[in-house]
Amino acid sequence: MEKTIKIYTTSSCVYCKMAKEFFKTNNVQYEEYDVAVDEKARNEMVEKSHQLGVPVIEINGEIFVGFDKSALLKALNIK
């Protein structure tokens, strides 16, 4: 089953860049939302994560705050 992945980012966020690089390396498709310019996405992110820090990554409804490589590997079932 294809996983639905959203990442809420800002252009200046180092951990956002690391998360996107991780996805690219592992051929993971994702939708990116820049919360610095997209108010709707920012509100959605805060509603889901209850905070303003980025990145916020959503995988099939599960929320990950920050770039936690081991948690992402497990959630995406990547060995």
C-alpha atoms as a PDB file:
ATOM      1  CA  MET A   1       0.000   0.000   0.000  1.00  0.00           C
ATOM      2  CA  GLU A   2       1.263   3.451  -0.936  1.00  0.00           C
ATOM      3  CA  LYS A   3       1.883   5.678   2.073  1.00  0.00           C
ATOM      4  CA  THR A   4       0.669   9.269   2.083  1.00  0.00           C
ATOM      5  CA  ILE A   5       3.499  11.536   3.233  1.00  0.00           C
ATOM      6  CA  LYS A   6       3.395  15.264   3.900  1.00  0.00           C
ATOM      7  CA  ILE A   7       6.279  17.355   5.160  1.00  0.00           C
ATOM      8  CA  TYR A   8       5.798  20.840   6.568  1.00  0.00           C
ATOM      9  CA  THR A   9       8.963  22.890   6.131  1.00  0.00           C
ATOM     10  CA  THR A  10      10.570  26.301   5.871  1.00  0.00           C
ATOM     11  CA  SER A  11      13.266  27.131   3.340  1.00  0.00           C
ATOM     12  CA  SER A  12      15.838  27.975   6.041  1.00  0.00           C
ATOM     13  CA  CYS A  13      15.354  24.810   8.139  1.00  0.00           C
ATOM     14  CA  VAL A  14      18.424  22.533   8.188  1.00  0.00           C
ATOM     15  CA  TYR A  15      16.478  19.546   9.555  1.00  0.00           C
ATOM     16  CA  CYS A  16      13.873  20.003   6.803  1.00  0.00           C
ATOM     17  CA  LYS A  17      16.648  19.742   4.216  1.00  0.00           C
ATOM     18  CA  MET A  18      17.963  16.606   5.951  1.00  0.00           C
ATOM     19  CA  ALA A  19      14.485  15.028   5.954  1.00  0.00           C
ATOM     20  CA  LYS A  20      13.941  15.794   2.261  1.00  0.00           C
ATOM     21  CA  GLU A  21      17.391  14.388   1.439  1.00  0.00           C
ATOM     22  CA  PHE A  22      16.503  11.239   3.427  1.00  0.00           C
ATOM     23  CA  PHE A  23      13.284  10.851   1.390  1.00  0.00           C
ATOM     24  CA  LYS A  24      15.167  11.408  -1.870  1.00  0.00           C
ATOM     25  CA  THR A  25      17.864   8.867  -0.963  1.00  0.00           C
ATOM     26  CA  ASN A  26      15.191   6.276  -0.146  1.00  0.00           C
ATOM     27  CA  ASN A  27      12.992   7.076  -3.182  1.00  0.00           C
ATOM     28  CA  VAL A  28      10.090   8.165  -0.978  1.00  0.00           C
ATOM     29  CA  GLN A  29       7.430  10.341  -2.643  1.00  0.00           C
ATOM     30  CA  TYR A  30       6.128  13.201  -0.495  1.00  0.00           C
ATOM     31  CA  GLU A  31       4.168  16.430  -0.636  1.00  0.00           C
ATOM     32  CA  GLU A  32       5.974  19.493   0.714  1.00  0.00           C
ATOM     33  CA  TYR A  33       4.292  22.492   2.303  1.00  0.00           C
ATOM     34  CA  ASP A  34       6.323  25.644   3.070  1.00  0.00           C
ATOM     35  CA  VAL A  35       4.678  26.995   6.230  1.00  0.00           C
ATOM     36  CA  ALA A  36       6.610  30.269   5.962  1.00  0.00           C
ATOM     37  CA  VAL A  37       4.494  31.264   2.944  1.00  0.00           C
ATOM     38  CA  ASP A  38       1.449  28.975   3.160  1.00  0.00           C
ATOM     39  CA  GLU A  39      -0.790  30.102   6.025  1.00  0.00           C
ATOM     40  CA  LYS A  40      -3.322  27.302   5.463  1.00  0.00           C
ATOM     41  CA  ALA A  41      -0.546  24.686   5.690  1.00  0.00           C
ATOM     42  CA  ARG A  42       0.901  26.383   8.790  1.00  0.00           C
ATOM     43  CA  ASN A  43      -2.488  26.260  10.529  1.00  0.00           C
ATOM     44  CA  GLU A  44      -2.918  22.607   9.507  1.00  0.00           C
ATOM     45  CA  MET A  45       0.568  21.773  10.857  1.00  0.00           C
ATOM     46  CA  VAL A  46      -0.087  23.482  14.210  1.00  0.00           C
ATOM     47  CA  GLU A  47      -3.445  21.728  14.521  1.00  0.00           C
ATOM     48  CA  LYS A  48      -1.787  18.335  13.949  1.00  0.00           C
ATOM     49  CA  SER A  49       1.448  18.829  15.922  1.00  0.00           C
ATOM     50  CA  HIS A  50       0.400  21.459  18.512  1.00  0.00           C
ATOM     51  CA  GLN A  51       3.593  23.452  17.943  1.00  0.00           C
ATOM     52  CA  LEU A  52       5.407  25.648  15.402  1.00  0.00           C
ATOM     53  CA  GLY A  53       8.708  23.782  15.011  1.00  0.00           C
ATOM     54  CA  VAL A  54       9.605  22.265  11.646  1.00  0.00           C
ATOM     55  CA  PRO A  55       9.885  19.836  10.081  1.00  0.00           C
ATOM     56  CA  VAL A  56       6.605  18.168  10.875  1.00  0.00           C
ATOM     57  CA  ILE A  57       6.234  14.959   8.912  1.00  0.00           C
ATOM     58  CA  GLU A  58       2.940  13.136   8.535  1.00  0.00           C
ATOM     59  CA  ILE A  59       2.950   9.516   7.382  1.00  0.00           C
ATOM     60  CA  ASN A  60      -0.543   8.021   6.971  1.00  0.00           C
ATOM     61  CA  GLY A  61      -1.846  10.282   9.740  1.00  0.00           C
ATOM     62  CA  GLU A  62       1.043   9.626  12.167  1.00  0.00           C
ATOM     63  CA  ILE A  63       2.890  12.819  13.164  1.00  0.00           C
ATOM     64  CA  PHE A  64       6.665  13.113  13.552  1.00  0.00           C
ATOM     65  CA  VAL A  65       8.118  16.372  14.869  1.00  0.00           C
ATOM     66  CA  GLY A  66      11.686  17.034  13.789  1.00  0.00           C
ATOM     67  CA  PHE A  67      13.935  14.748  11.765  1.00  0.00           C
ATOM     68  CA  ASP A  68      14.113  11.398  13.582  1.00  0.00           C
ATOM     69  CA  LYS A  69      15.773   9.093  11.069  1.00  0.00           C
ATOM     70  CA  SER A  70      15.242   5.869  13.037  1.00  0.00           C
ATOM     71  CA  ALA A  71      11.529   6.617  13.592  1.00  0.00           C
ATOM     72  CA  LEU A  72      11.095   7.410   9.890  1.00  0.00           C
ATOM     73  CA  LEU A  73      12.892   4.227   8.820  1.00  0.00           C
ATOM     74  CA  LYS A  74      10.563   2.221  11.050  1.00  0.00           C
ATOM     75  CA  ALA A  75       7.391   4.070   9.945  1.00  0.00           C
ATOM     76  CA  LEU A  76       8.294   3.624   6.276  1.00  0.00           C
ATOM     77  CA  ASN A  77       9.454   0.022   6.766  1.00  0.00           C
ATOM     78  CA  ILE A  78      12.878   0.770   5.265  1.00  0.00           C
ATOM     79  CA  LYS A  79      15.691  -1.626   6.206  1.00  0.00           C
END
